[in-house]
Amino acid sequence: MSEAASHNREELAEAIDDIVALLKRFGEAEWSTILARDSALIRSGDFYGVERFLRAFGGMGSLNDLVLTGFGDLIVKPSDSSEINSMLSTLRGRAYAIARDLAREFEREHGA
């Protein structure tokens, strides 16, 4: 793996960690656990973590569908919901872009 890819791998892990921190802050346990595993895999150099993370964006109930509200166990005030979900969207978009770049580089290097 190139030095740039190693740097991007760490950047992706940090971006995912930012999402995890936001989700934990507002009581979203399921996605925070899944994403923390992806981050750990990525940090260990296992490309499967990148693949898992990218797959989290597809289909119904995906990470794209996640909205933090005051329902259930989540602890989001209705007055803060818009701002918090905007932050989540920004963090998701940043991490997704980094992951796609890493996947493209991996495909170039491995002919996949």
PDB file of N, CA and C in Angstrom:
ATOM      1  N   MET A   1       0.852  -1.183   0.000  1.00  0.00           N
ATOM      2  CA  MET A   1       0.000   0.000   0.000  1.00  0.00           C
ATOM      3  C   MET A   1       0.887   1.232   0.000  1.00  0.00           C
ATOM      4  N   SER A   2       0.529   2.197  -0.808  1.00  0.00           N
ATOM      5  CA  SER A   2       1.326   3.409  -0.926  1.00  0.00           C
ATOM      6  C   SER A   2       1.233   4.250   0.344  1.00  0.00           C
ATOM      7  N   GLU A   3       2.175   5.175   0.461  1.00  0.00           N
ATOM      8  CA  GLU A   3       2.173   6.076   1.621  1.00  0.00           C
ATOM      9  C   GLU A   3       0.906   6.930   1.633  1.00  0.00           C
ATOM     10  N   ALA A   4       0.479   7.369   0.444  1.00  0.00           N
ATOM     11  CA  ALA A   4      -0.756   8.174   0.355  1.00  0.00           C
ATOM     12  C   ALA A   4      -1.957   7.357   0.814  1.00  0.00           C
ATOM     13  N   ALA A   5      -2.005   6.091   0.413  1.00  0.00           N
ATOM     14  CA  ALA A   5      -3.127   5.237   0.822  1.00  0.00           C
ATOM     15  C   ALA A   5      -3.121   5.023   2.324  1.00  0.00           C
ATOM     16  N   SER A   6      -1.937   4.862   2.912  1.00  0.00           N
ATOM     17  CA  SER A   6      -1.848   4.704   4.370  1.00  0.00           C
ATOM     18  C   SER A   6      -2.357   5.947   5.076  1.00  0.00           C
ATOM     19  N   HIS A   7      -1.980   7.112   4.547  1.00  0.00           N
ATOM     20  CA  HIS A   7      -2.463   8.380   5.128  1.00  0.00           C
ATOM     21  C   HIS A   7      -3.985   8.462   4.993  1.00  0.00           C
ATOM     22  N   ASN A   8      -4.508   8.108   3.798  1.00  0.00           N
ATOM     23  CA  ASN A   8      -5.952   8.163   3.578  1.00  0.00           C
ATOM     24  C   ASN A   8      -6.684   7.156   4.453  1.00  0.00           C
ATOM     25  N   ARG A   9      -6.054   6.011   4.694  1.00  0.00           N
ATOM     26  CA  ARG A   9      -6.669   5.002   5.569  1.00  0.00           C
ATOM     27  C   ARG A   9      -6.838   5.574   6.969  1.00  0.00           C
ATOM     28  N   GLU A  10      -5.820   6.247   7.479  1.00  0.00           N
ATOM     29  CA  GLU A  10      -5.916   6.851   8.808  1.00  0.00           C
ATOM     30  C   GLU A  10      -6.936   7.997   8.801  1.00  0.00           C
ATOM     31  N   GLU A  11      -6.949   8.761   7.730  1.00  0.00           N
ATOM     32  CA  GLU A  11      -7.922   9.854   7.611  1.00  0.00           C
ATOM     33  C   GLU A  11      -9.352   9.300   7.624  1.00  0.00           C
ATOM     34  N   LEU A  12      -9.568   8.169   6.937  1.00  0.00           N
ATOM     35  CA  LEU A  12     -10.893   7.541   6.928  1.00  0.00           C
ATOM     36  C   LEU A  12     -11.255   7.043   8.318  1.00  0.00           C
ATOM     37  N   ALA A  13     -10.325   6.382   8.984  1.00  0.00           N
ATOM     38  CA  ALA A  13     -10.607   5.883  10.335  1.00  0.00           C
ATOM     39  C   ALA A  13     -10.986   7.037  11.262  1.00  0.00           C
ATOM     40  N   GLU A  14     -10.284   8.153  11.144  1.00  0.00           N
ATOM     41  CA  GLU A  14     -10.601   9.321  11.971  1.00  0.00           C
ATOM     42  C   GLU A  14     -11.977   9.889  11.617  1.00  0.00           C
ATOM     43  N   ALA A  15     -12.296   9.928  10.331  1.00  0.00           N
ATOM     44  CA  ALA A  15     -13.610  10.436   9.908  1.00  0.00           C
ATOM     45  C   ALA A  15     -14.728   9.545  10.438  1.00  0.00           C
ATOM     46  N   ILE A  16     -14.514   8.233  10.394  1.00  0.00           N
ATOM     47  CA  ILE A  16     -15.511   7.308  10.933  1.00  0.00           C
ATOM     48  C   ILE A  16     -15.611   7.471  12.443  1.00  0.00           C
ATOM     49  N   ASP A  17     -14.474   7.656  13.107  1.00  0.00           N
ATOM     50  CA  ASP A  17     -14.486   7.889  14.557  1.00  0.00           C
ATOM     51  C   ASP A  17     -15.296   9.131  14.918  1.00  0.00           C
ATOM     52  N   ASP A  18     -15.239  10.157  14.074  1.00  0.00           N
ATOM     53  CA  ASP A  18     -16.037  11.362  14.312  1.00  0.00           C
ATOM     54  C   ASP A  18     -17.533  11.041  14.247  1.00  0.00           C
ATOM     55  N   ILE A  19     -17.915  10.198  13.291  1.00  0.00           N
ATOM     56  CA  ILE A  19     -19.316   9.781  13.196  1.00  0.00           C
ATOM     57  C   ILE A  19     -19.699   8.987  14.439  1.00  0.00           C
ATOM     58  N   VAL A  20     -18.840   8.053  14.822  1.00  0.00           N
ATOM     59  CA  VAL A  20     -19.106   7.221  16.005  1.00  0.00           C
ATOM     60  C   VAL A  20     -19.303   8.094  17.242  1.00  0.00           C
ATOM     61  N   ALA A  21     -18.449   9.083  17.417  1.00  0.00           N
ATOM     62  CA  ALA A  21     -18.552   9.965  18.589  1.00  0.00           C
ATOM     63  C   ALA A  21     -19.893  10.705  18.593  1.00  0.00           C
ATOM     64  N   LEU A  22     -20.297  11.209  17.436  1.00  0.00           N
ATOM     65  CA  LEU A  22     -21.585  11.912  17.347  1.00  0.00           C
ATOM     66  C   LEU A  22     -22.736  10.962  17.663  1.00  0.00           C
ATOM     67  N   LEU A  23     -22.687   9.763  17.097  1.00  0.00           N
ATOM     68  CA  LEU A  23     -23.767   8.803  17.337  1.00  0.00           C
ATOM     69  C   LEU A  23     -23.844   8.400  18.804  1.00  0.00           C
ATOM     70  N   LYS A  24     -22.700   8.144  19.407  1.00  0.00           N
ATOM     71  CA  LYS A  24     -22.690   7.777  20.833  1.00  0.00           C
ATOM     72  C   LYS A  24     -23.212   8.916  21.692  1.00  0.00           C
ATOM     73  N   ARG A  25     -22.849  10.125  21.332  1.00  0.00           N
ATOM     74  CA  ARG A  25     -23.278  11.304  22.111  1.00  0.00           C
ATOM     75  C   ARG A  25     -24.798  11.392  22.201  1.00  0.00           C
ATOM     76  N   PHE A  26     -25.461  10.920  21.140  1.00  0.00           N
ATOM     77  CA  PHE A  26     -26.918  11.023  21.111  1.00  0.00           C
ATOM     78  C   PHE A  26     -27.612   9.672  21.255  1.00  0.00           C
ATOM     79  N   GLY A  27     -26.873   8.677  21.747  1.00  0.00           N
ATOM     80  CA  GLY A  27     -27.483   7.414  22.140  1.00  0.00           C
ATOM     81  C   GLY A  27     -27.738   6.414  21.025  1.00  0.00           C
ATOM     82  N   GLU A  28     -27.110   6.579  19.855  1.00  0.00           N
ATOM     83  CA  GLU A  28     -27.317   5.642  18.749  1.00  0.00           C
ATOM     84  C   GLU A  28     -26.264   4.538  18.854  1.00  0.00           C
ATOM     85  N   ALA A  29     -26.645   3.422  19.485  1.00  0.00           N
ATOM     86  CA  ALA A  29     -25.685   2.361  19.799  1.00  0.00           C
ATOM     87  C   ALA A  29     -25.408   1.417  18.632  1.00  0.00           C
ATOM     88  N   GLU A  30     -26.420   1.064  17.858  1.00  0.00           N
ATOM     89  CA  GLU A  30     -26.235   0.053  16.805  1.00  0.00           C
ATOM     90  C   GLU A  30     -25.242   0.504  15.737  1.00  0.00           C
ATOM     91  N   TRP A  31     -25.492   1.657  15.139  1.00  0.00           N
ATOM     92  CA  TRP A  31     -24.588   2.138  14.098  1.00  0.00           C
ATOM     93  C   TRP A  31     -23.217   2.506  14.658  1.00  0.00           C
ATOM     94  N   SER A  32     -23.170   3.037  15.860  1.00  0.00           N
ATOM     95  CA  SER A  32     -21.857   3.401  16.419  1.00  0.00           C
ATOM     96  C   SER A  32     -21.000   2.160  16.616  1.00  0.00           C
ATOM     97  N   THR A  33     -21.596   1.040  17.006  1.00  0.00           N
ATOM     98  CA  THR A  33     -20.859  -0.214  17.176  1.00  0.00           C
ATOM     99  C   THR A  33     -20.359  -0.742  15.834  1.00  0.00           C
ATOM    100  N   ILE A  34     -21.224  -0.739  14.843  1.00  0.00           N
ATOM    101  CA  ILE A  34     -20.854  -1.212  13.504  1.00  0.00           C
ATOM    102  C   ILE A  34     -19.701  -0.383  12.957  1.00  0.00           C
ATOM    103  N   LEU A  35     -19.826   0.922  13.039  1.00  0.00           N
ATOM    104  CA  LEU A  35     -18.807   1.804  12.467  1.00  0.00           C
ATOM    105  C   LEU A  35     -17.497   1.753  13.241  1.00  0.00           C
ATOM    106  N   ALA A  36     -17.567   1.562  14.538  1.00  0.00           N
ATOM    107  CA  ALA A  36     -16.333   1.427  15.333  1.00  0.00           C
ATOM    108  C   ALA A  36     -15.552   0.193  14.890  1.00  0.00           C
ATOM    109  N   ARG A  37     -16.267  -0.895  14.552  1.00  0.00           N
ATOM    110  CA  ARG A  37     -15.598  -2.106  14.034  1.00  0.00           C
ATOM    111  C   ARG A  37     -14.921  -1.813  12.707  1.00  0.00           C
ATOM    112  N   ASP A  38     -15.618  -1.079  11.833  1.00  0.00           N
ATOM    113  CA  ASP A  38     -15.033  -0.725  10.536  1.00  0.00           C
ATOM    114  C   ASP A  38     -13.757   0.087  10.735  1.00  0.00           C
ATOM    115  N   SER A  39     -13.812   1.058  11.617  1.00  0.00           N
ATOM    116  CA  SER A  39     -12.650   1.892  11.888  1.00  0.00           C
ATOM    117  C   SER A  39     -11.470   1.063  12.387  1.00  0.00           C
ATOM    118  N   ALA A  40     -11.732   0.130  13.285  1.00  0.00           N
ATOM    119  CA  ALA A  40     -10.669  -0.734  13.818  1.00  0.00           C
ATOM    120  C   ALA A  40     -10.060  -1.592  12.711  1.00  0.00           C
ATOM    121  N   LEU A  41     -10.897  -2.143  11.836  1.00  0.00           N
ATOM    122  CA  LEU A  41     -10.387  -2.937  10.714  1.00  0.00           C
ATOM    123  C   LEU A  41      -9.508  -2.090   9.803  1.00  0.00           C
ATOM    124  N   ILE A  42      -9.970  -0.892   9.503  1.00  0.00           N
ATOM    125  CA  ILE A  42      -9.226   0.011   8.622  1.00  0.00           C
ATOM    126  C   ILE A  42      -7.868   0.352   9.236  1.00  0.00           C
ATOM    127  N   ARG A  43      -7.861   0.668  10.522  1.00  0.00           N
ATOM    128  CA  ARG A  43      -6.602   0.995  11.199  1.00  0.00           C
ATOM    129  C   ARG A  43      -5.626  -0.187  11.201  1.00  0.00           C
ATOM    130  N   SER A  44      -6.157  -1.399  11.235  1.00  0.00           N
ATOM    131  CA  SER A  44      -5.288  -2.580  11.257  1.00  0.00           C
ATOM    132  C   SER A  44      -4.766  -2.926   9.860  1.00  0.00           C
ATOM    133  N   GLY A  45      -5.216  -2.165   8.851  1.00  0.00           N
ATOM    134  CA  GLY A  45      -4.761  -2.406   7.484  1.00  0.00           C
ATOM    135  C   GLY A  45      -5.625  -3.384   6.724  1.00  0.00           C
ATOM    136  N   ASP A  46      -6.764  -3.772   7.292  1.00  0.00           N
ATOM    137  CA  ASP A  46      -7.659  -4.723   6.652  1.00  0.00           C
ATOM    138  C   ASP A  46      -8.635  -3.958   5.749  1.00  0.00           C
ATOM    139  N   PHE A  47      -8.493  -4.149   4.451  1.00  0.00           N
ATOM    140  CA  PHE A  47      -9.336  -3.427   3.497  1.00  0.00           C
ATOM    141  C   PHE A  47     -10.812  -3.779   3.647  1.00  0.00           C
ATOM    142  N   TYR A  48     -11.103  -4.902   4.257  1.00  0.00           N
ATOM    143  CA  TYR A  48     -12.492  -5.293   4.494  1.00  0.00           C
ATOM    144  C   TYR A  48     -13.247  -4.199   5.254  1.00  0.00           C
ATOM    145  N   GLY A  49     -12.564  -3.463   6.117  1.00  0.00           N
ATOM    146  CA  GLY A  49     -13.211  -2.370   6.845  1.00  0.00           C
ATOM    147  C   GLY A  49     -13.723  -1.293   5.906  1.00  0.00           C
ATOM    148  N   VAL A  50     -12.960  -0.992   4.860  1.00  0.00           N
ATOM    149  CA  VAL A  50     -13.393  -0.010   3.857  1.00  0.00           C
ATOM    150  C   VAL A  50     -14.604  -0.553   3.104  1.00  0.00           C
ATOM    151  N   GLU A  51     -14.523  -1.824   2.701  1.00  0.00           N
ATOM    152  CA  GLU A  51     -15.635  -2.446   1.981  1.00  0.00           C
ATOM    153  C   GLU A  51     -16.911  -2.451   2.832  1.00  0.00           C
ATOM    154  N   ARG A  52     -16.780  -2.846   4.089  1.00  0.00           N
ATOM    155  CA  ARG A  52     -17.938  -2.876   4.994  1.00  0.00           C
ATOM    156  C   ARG A  52     -18.549  -1.488   5.136  1.00  0.00           C
ATOM    157  N   PHE A  53     -17.670  -0.497   5.308  1.00  0.00           N
ATOM    158  CA  PHE A  53     -18.152   0.873   5.468  1.00  0.00           C
ATOM    159  C   PHE A  53     -18.922   1.315   4.225  1.00  0.00           C
ATOM    160  N   LEU A  54     -18.383   1.064   3.053  1.00  0.00           N
ATOM    161  CA  LEU A  54     -19.069   1.471   1.825  1.00  0.00           C
ATOM    162  C   LEU A  54     -20.391   0.735   1.651  1.00  0.00           C
ATOM    163  N   ARG A  55     -20.456  -0.516   2.057  1.00  0.00           N
ATOM    164  CA  ARG A  55     -21.713  -1.274   1.959  1.00  0.00           C
ATOM    165  C   ARG A  55     -22.781  -0.729   2.908  1.00  0.00           C
ATOM    166  N   ALA A  56     -22.374  -0.028   3.935  1.00  0.00           N
ATOM    167  CA  ALA A  56     -23.329   0.534   4.890  1.00  0.00           C
ATOM    168  C   ALA A  56     -24.204   1.608   4.253  1.00  0.00           C
ATOM    169  N   PHE A  57     -23.839   2.049   3.047  1.00  0.00           N
ATOM    170  CA  PHE A  57     -24.577   3.119   2.377  1.00  0.00           C
ATOM    171  C   PHE A  57     -25.646   2.608   1.413  1.00  0.00           C
ATOM    172  N   GLY A  58     -25.812   1.310   1.286  1.00  0.00           N
ATOM    173  CA  GLY A  58     -26.748   0.786   0.299  1.00  0.00           C
ATOM    174  C   GLY A  58     -27.991   0.178   0.913  1.00  0.00           C
ATOM    175  N   GLY A  59     -29.118   0.355   0.239  1.00  0.00           N
ATOM    176  CA  GLY A  59     -30.356  -0.309   0.629  1.00  0.00           C
ATOM    177  C   GLY A  59     -31.135   0.399   1.726  1.00  0.00           C
ATOM    178  N   MET A  60     -32.300  -0.173   1.998  1.00  0.00           N
ATOM    179  CA  MET A  60     -33.154   0.382   3.049  1.00  0.00           C
ATOM    180  C   MET A  60     -32.509   0.169   4.414  1.00  0.00           C
ATOM    181  N   GLY A  61     -32.673   1.124   5.281  1.00  0.00           N
ATOM    182  CA  GLY A  61     -32.097   1.033   6.614  1.00  0.00           C
ATOM    183  C   GLY A  61     -30.606   1.278   6.623  1.00  0.00           C
ATOM    184  N   SER A  62     -30.095   1.863   5.563  1.00  0.00           N
ATOM    185  CA  SER A  62     -28.666   2.100   5.450  1.00  0.00           C
ATOM    186  C   SER A  62     -28.243   3.301   6.291  1.00  0.00           C
ATOM    187  N   LEU A  63     -26.956   3.503   6.331  1.00  0.00           N
ATOM    188  CA  LEU A  63     -26.404   4.648   7.055  1.00  0.00           C
ATOM    189  C   LEU A  63     -26.944   5.954   6.479  1.00  0.00           C
ATOM    190  N   ASN A  64     -27.217   5.969   5.175  1.00  0.00           N
ATOM    191  CA  ASN A  64     -27.816   7.168   4.555  1.00  0.00           C
ATOM    192  C   ASN A  64     -29.187   7.492   5.132  1.00  0.00           C
ATOM    193  N   ASP A  65     -29.898   6.470   5.567  1.00  0.00           N
ATOM    194  CA  ASP A  65     -31.259   6.657   6.083  1.00  0.00           C
ATOM    195  C   ASP A  65     -31.295   7.109   7.542  1.00  0.00           C
ATOM    196  N   LEU A  66     -30.166   7.044   8.207  1.00  0.00           N
ATOM    197  CA  LEU A  66     -30.132   7.363   9.635  1.00  0.00           C
ATOM    198  C   LEU A  66     -30.386   8.843   9.881  1.00  0.00           C
ATOM    199  N   VAL A  67     -31.380   9.109  10.715  1.00  0.00           N
ATOM    200  CA  VAL A  67     -31.712  10.463  11.158  1.00  0.00           C
ATOM    201  C   VAL A  67     -31.808  10.410  12.673  1.00  0.00           C
ATOM    202  N   LEU A  68     -31.099  11.295  13.321  1.00  0.00           N
ATOM    203  CA  LEU A  68     -31.127  11.345  14.784  1.00  0.00           C
ATOM    204  C   LEU A  68     -32.292  12.223  15.224  1.00  0.00           C
ATOM    205  N   THR A  69     -33.189  11.611  15.994  1.00  0.00           N
ATOM    206  CA  THR A  69     -34.390  12.307  16.473  1.00  0.00           C
ATOM    207  C   THR A  69     -34.498  12.108  17.977  1.00  0.00           C
ATOM    208  N   GLY A  70     -35.548  12.608  18.545  1.00  0.00           N
ATOM    209  CA  GLY A  70     -35.789  12.432  19.968  1.00  0.00           C
ATOM    210  C   GLY A  70     -36.620  11.204  20.285  1.00  0.00           C
ATOM    211  N   PHE A  71     -36.802  10.320  19.320  1.00  0.00           N
ATOM    212  CA  PHE A  71     -37.622   9.126  19.523  1.00  0.00           C
ATOM    213  C   PHE A  71     -36.791   7.970  20.049  1.00  0.00           C
ATOM    214  N   GLY A  72     -37.464   7.032  20.701  1.00  0.00           N
ATOM    215  CA  GLY A  72     -36.781   5.838  21.206  1.00  0.00           C
ATOM    216  C   GLY A  72     -35.754   6.190  22.257  1.00  0.00           C
ATOM    217  N   ASP A  73     -34.595   5.586  22.150  1.00  0.00           N
ATOM    218  CA  ASP A  73     -33.534   5.804  23.126  1.00  0.00           C
ATOM    219  C   ASP A  73     -32.641   6.999  22.791  1.00  0.00           C
ATOM    220  N   LEU A  74     -32.891   7.619  21.650  1.00  0.00           N
ATOM    221  CA  LEU A  74     -32.042   8.744  21.238  1.00  0.00           C
ATOM    222  C   LEU A  74     -32.344   9.977  22.080  1.00  0.00           C
ATOM    223  N   ILE A  75     -31.310  10.746  22.344  1.00  0.00           N
ATOM    224  CA  ILE A  75     -31.447  11.906  23.227  1.00  0.00           C
ATOM    225  C   ILE A  75     -31.178  13.207  22.467  1.00  0.00           C
ATOM    226  N   VAL A  76     -31.980  13.445  21.465  1.00  0.00           N
ATOM    227  CA  VAL A  76     -31.846  14.639  20.636  1.00  0.00           C
ATOM    228  C   VAL A  76     -33.024  15.552  20.922  1.00  0.00           C
ATOM    229  N   LYS A  77     -32.740  16.778  21.281  1.00  0.00           N
ATOM    230  CA  LYS A  77     -33.806  17.760  21.485  1.00  0.00           C
ATOM    231  C   LYS A  77     -34.361  18.153  20.113  1.00  0.00           C
ATOM    232  N   PRO A  78     -35.669  18.257  19.983  1.00  0.00           N
ATOM    233  CA  PRO A  78     -36.251  18.645  18.686  1.00  0.00           C
ATOM    234  C   PRO A  78     -35.642  19.941  18.142  1.00  0.00           C
ATOM    235  N   SER A  79     -35.317  20.873  19.014  1.00  0.00           N
ATOM    236  CA  SER A  79     -34.757  22.144  18.560  1.00  0.00           C
ATOM    237  C   SER A  79     -33.340  21.984  18.002  1.00  0.00           C
ATOM    238  N   ASP A  80     -32.650  20.892  18.351  1.00  0.00           N
ATOM    239  CA  ASP A  80     -31.281  20.657  17.884  1.00  0.00           C
ATOM    240  C   ASP A  80     -31.210  19.675  16.728  1.00  0.00           C
ATOM    241  N   SER A  81     -32.322  19.044  16.406  1.00  0.00           N
ATOM    242  CA  SER A  81     -32.334  17.952  15.440  1.00  0.00           C
ATOM    243  C   SER A  81     -31.762  18.350  14.080  1.00  0.00           C
ATOM    244  N   SER A  82     -32.156  19.481  13.563  1.00  0.00           N
ATOM    245  CA  SER A  82     -31.701  19.908  12.240  1.00  0.00           C
ATOM    246  C   SER A  82     -30.177  20.092  12.207  1.00  0.00           C
ATOM    247  N   GLU A  83     -29.656  20.776  13.205  1.00  0.00           N
ATOM    248  CA  GLU A  83     -28.211  21.027  13.260  1.00  0.00           C
ATOM    249  C   GLU A  83     -27.429  19.719  13.425  1.00  0.00           C
ATOM    250  N   ILE A  84     -27.891  18.853  14.279  1.00  0.00           N
ATOM    251  CA  ILE A  84     -27.209  17.581  14.538  1.00  0.00           C
ATOM    252  C   ILE A  84     -27.225  16.711  13.288  1.00  0.00           C
ATOM    253  N   ASN A  85     -28.357  16.645  12.606  1.00  0.00           N
ATOM    254  CA  ASN A  85     -28.442  15.827  11.402  1.00  0.00           C
ATOM    255  C   ASN A  85     -27.651  16.422  10.244  1.00  0.00           C
ATOM    256  N   SER A  86     -27.519  17.719  10.231  1.00  0.00           N
ATOM    257  CA  SER A  86     -26.652  18.362   9.242  1.00  0.00           C
ATOM    258  C   SER A  86     -25.186  17.974   9.491  1.00  0.00           C
ATOM    259  N   MET A  87     -24.779  17.973  10.758  1.00  0.00           N
ATOM    260  CA  MET A  87     -23.414  17.533  11.105  1.00  0.00           C
ATOM    261  C   MET A  87     -23.205  16.085  10.692  1.00  0.00           C
ATOM    262  N   LEU A  88     -24.185  15.235  10.998  1.00  0.00           N
ATOM    263  CA  LEU A  88     -24.091  13.825  10.640  1.00  0.00           C
ATOM    264  C   LEU A  88     -23.947  13.666   9.129  1.00  0.00           C
ATOM    265  N   SER A  89     -24.730  14.400   8.377  1.00  0.00           N
ATOM    266  CA  SER A  89     -24.671  14.326   6.919  1.00  0.00           C
ATOM    267  C   SER A  89     -23.296  14.750   6.404  1.00  0.00           C
ATOM    268  N   THR A  90     -22.754  15.807   6.960  1.00  0.00           N
ATOM    269  CA  THR A  90     -21.428  16.286   6.560  1.00  0.00           C
ATOM    270  C   THR A  90     -20.357  15.249   6.872  1.00  0.00           C
ATOM    271  N   LEU A  91     -20.410  14.676   8.076  1.00  0.00           N
ATOM    272  CA  LEU A  91     -19.428  13.664   8.470  1.00  0.00           C
ATOM    273  C   LEU A  91     -19.536  12.418   7.590  1.00  0.00           C
ATOM    274  N   ARG A  92     -20.761  11.996   7.328  1.00  0.00           N
ATOM    275  CA  ARG A  92     -20.985  10.827   6.450  1.00  0.00           C
ATOM    276  C   ARG A  92     -20.413  11.075   5.066  1.00  0.00           C
ATOM    277  N   GLY A  93     -20.703  12.247   4.522  1.00  0.00           N
ATOM    278  CA  GLY A  93     -20.229  12.579   3.173  1.00  0.00           C
ATOM    279  C   GLY A  93     -18.714  12.608   3.085  1.00  0.00           C
ATOM    280  N   ARG A  94     -18.077  13.177   4.080  1.00  0.00           N
ATOM    281  CA  ARG A  94     -16.606  13.235   4.102  1.00  0.00           C
ATOM    282  C   ARG A  94     -16.025  11.831   4.162  1.00  0.00           C
ATOM    283  N   ALA A  95     -16.531  11.007   5.061  1.00  0.00           N
ATOM    284  CA  ALA A  95     -16.007   9.651   5.207  1.00  0.00           C
ATOM    285  C   ALA A  95     -16.266   8.832   3.945  1.00  0.00           C
ATOM    286  N   TYR A  96     -17.427   8.987   3.349  1.00  0.00           N
ATOM    287  CA  TYR A  96     -17.748   8.242   2.131  1.00  0.00           C
ATOM    288  C   TYR A  96     -16.785   8.611   1.004  1.00  0.00           C
ATOM    289  N   ALA A  97     -16.511   9.891   0.842  1.00  0.00           N
ATOM    290  CA  ALA A  97     -15.604  10.340  -0.224  1.00  0.00           C
ATOM    291  C   ALA A  97     -14.202   9.749  -0.031  1.00  0.00           C
ATOM    292  N   ILE A  98     -13.718   9.746   1.182  1.00  0.00           N
ATOM    293  CA  ILE A  98     -12.394   9.177   1.465  1.00  0.00           C
ATOM    294  C   ILE A  98     -12.405   7.677   1.177  1.00  0.00           C
ATOM    295  N   ALA A  99     -13.450   6.997   1.603  1.00  0.00           N
ATOM    296  CA  ALA A  99     -13.552   5.551   1.385  1.00  0.00           C
ATOM    297  C   ALA A  99     -13.597   5.221  -0.106  1.00  0.00           C
ATOM    298  N   ARG A 100     -14.340   5.992  -0.892  1.00  0.00           N
ATOM    299  CA  ARG A 100     -14.397   5.754  -2.340  1.00  0.00           C
ATOM    300  C   ARG A 100     -13.026   5.950  -2.971  1.00  0.00           C
ATOM    301  N   ASP A 101     -12.298   6.980  -2.538  1.00  0.00           N
ATOM    302  CA  ASP A 101     -10.944   7.198  -3.058  1.00  0.00           C
ATOM    303  C   ASP A 101     -10.042   6.014  -2.731  1.00  0.00           C
ATOM    304  N   LEU A 102     -10.128   5.521  -1.515  1.00  0.00           N
ATOM    305  CA  LEU A 102      -9.331   4.356  -1.126  1.00  0.00           C
ATOM    306  C   LEU A 102      -9.713   3.126  -1.939  1.00  0.00           C
ATOM    307  N   ALA A 103     -10.993   2.932  -2.166  1.00  0.00           N
ATOM    308  CA  ALA A 103     -11.446   1.779  -2.943  1.00  0.00           C
ATOM    309  C   ALA A 103     -10.936   1.868  -4.376  1.00  0.00           C
ATOM    310  N   ARG A 104     -10.976   3.040  -4.964  1.00  0.00           N
ATOM    311  CA  ARG A 104     -10.458   3.216  -6.331  1.00  0.00           C
ATOM    312  C   ARG A 104      -8.964   2.917  -6.384  1.00  0.00           C
ATOM    313  N   GLU A 105      -8.228   3.418  -5.400  1.00  0.00           N
ATOM    314  CA  GLU A 105      -6.793   3.157  -5.370  1.00  0.00           C
ATOM    315  C   GLU A 105      -6.515   1.671  -5.195  1.00  0.00           C
ATOM    316  N   PHE A 106      -7.274   1.009  -4.329  1.00  0.00           N
ATOM    317  CA  PHE A 106      -7.116  -0.420  -4.111  1.00  0.00           C
ATOM    318  C   PHE A 106      -7.371  -1.192  -5.409  1.00  0.00           C
ATOM    319  N   GLU A 107      -8.409  -0.789  -6.129  1.00  0.00           N
ATOM    320  CA  GLU A 107      -8.732  -1.451  -7.391  1.00  0.00           C
ATOM    321  C   GLU A 107      -7.616  -1.258  -8.410  1.00  0.00           C
ATOM    322  N   ARG A 108      -7.021  -0.055  -8.465  1.00  0.00           N
ATOM    323  CA  ARG A 108      -5.898   0.188  -9.382  1.00  0.00           C
ATOM    324  C   ARG A 108      -4.694  -0.673  -9.028  1.00  0.00           C
ATOM    325  N   GLU A 109      -4.391  -0.740  -7.743  1.00  0.00           N
ATOM    326  CA  GLU A 109      -3.224  -1.496  -7.288  1.00  0.00           C
ATOM    327  C   GLU A 109      -3.393  -3.002  -7.444  1.00  0.00           C
ATOM    328  N   HIS A 110      -4.621  -3.488  -7.283  1.00  0.00           N
ATOM    329  CA  HIS A 110      -4.862  -4.930  -7.260  1.00  0.00           C
ATOM    330  C   HIS A 110      -5.611  -5.437  -8.492  1.00  0.00           C
ATOM    331  N   GLY A 111      -5.867  -4.549  -9.432  1.00  0.00           N
ATOM    332  CA  GLY A 111      -6.524  -4.967 -10.652  1.00  0.00           C
ATOM    333  C   GLY A 111      -7.919  -5.529 -10.458  1.00  0.00           C
ATOM    334  N   ALA A 112      -8.563  -5.098  -9.407  1.00  0.00           N
ATOM    335  CA  ALA A 112      -9.910  -5.625  -9.113  1.00  0.00           C
ATOM    336  C   ALA A 112     -10.969  -4.881  -9.886  1.00  0.00           C
TER     337      ALA A 112
END
